[in-house]
Amino acid sequence: MLSKIKKRICTISFGKMVEMIKYKAKEYGITVEVVD
């Protein structure tokens, strides 16, 4: 199940994922630092 989700995430634009995570984190008041 988890590997299936991981594969799916990889197909999604990475930049979009980062933006979504940052947006969600902001909602919860969490600061997210993305390191390449």
Protein backbone atom coordinates (compact mmCIF):
# COMPACT_ATOMS: atom_id res chain seq x y z
CA MET A 1 0.00 0.00 0.00
CA LEU A 2 2.69 2.48 1.05
CA SER A 3 4.94 1.73 -1.92
CA LYS A 4 1.98 2.33 -4.23
CA ILE A 5 1.44 5.76 -2.69
CA LYS A 6 5.15 6.57 -2.95
CA LYS A 7 5.20 5.69 -6.63
CA ARG A 8 2.16 7.86 -7.21
CA ILE A 9 3.77 10.82 -5.41
CA CYS A 10 6.86 10.46 -7.61
CA THR A 11 4.71 10.89 -10.71
CA ILE A 12 3.28 14.12 -9.32
CA SER A 13 5.34 17.23 -9.94
CA PHE A 14 7.79 17.49 -7.03
CA GLY A 15 7.43 21.27 -6.93
CA LYS A 16 3.67 20.92 -6.54
CA MET A 17 4.16 18.50 -3.67
CA VAL A 18 6.51 20.91 -1.91
CA GLU A 19 4.08 23.78 -2.35
CA MET A 20 1.24 21.64 -0.98
CA ILE A 21 3.28 20.54 2.02
CA LYS A 22 4.33 24.12 2.77
CA TYR A 23 0.72 25.28 2.46
CA LYS A 24 -0.55 22.54 4.76
CA ALA A 25 2.24 23.19 7.24
CA LYS A 26 1.37 26.88 7.30
CA GLU A 27 -2.21 25.94 8.17
CA TYR A 28 -0.92 24.03 11.20
CA GLY A 29 1.66 26.65 12.08
CA ILE A 30 4.60 24.46 11.20
CA THR A 31 7.67 25.77 9.43
CA VAL A 32 8.89 23.43 6.72
CA GLU A 33 12.41 23.62 5.38
CA VAL A 34 13.03 21.80 2.13
CA VAL A 35 16.60 20.67 1.54
CA ASP A 36 17.51 19.44 -1.93
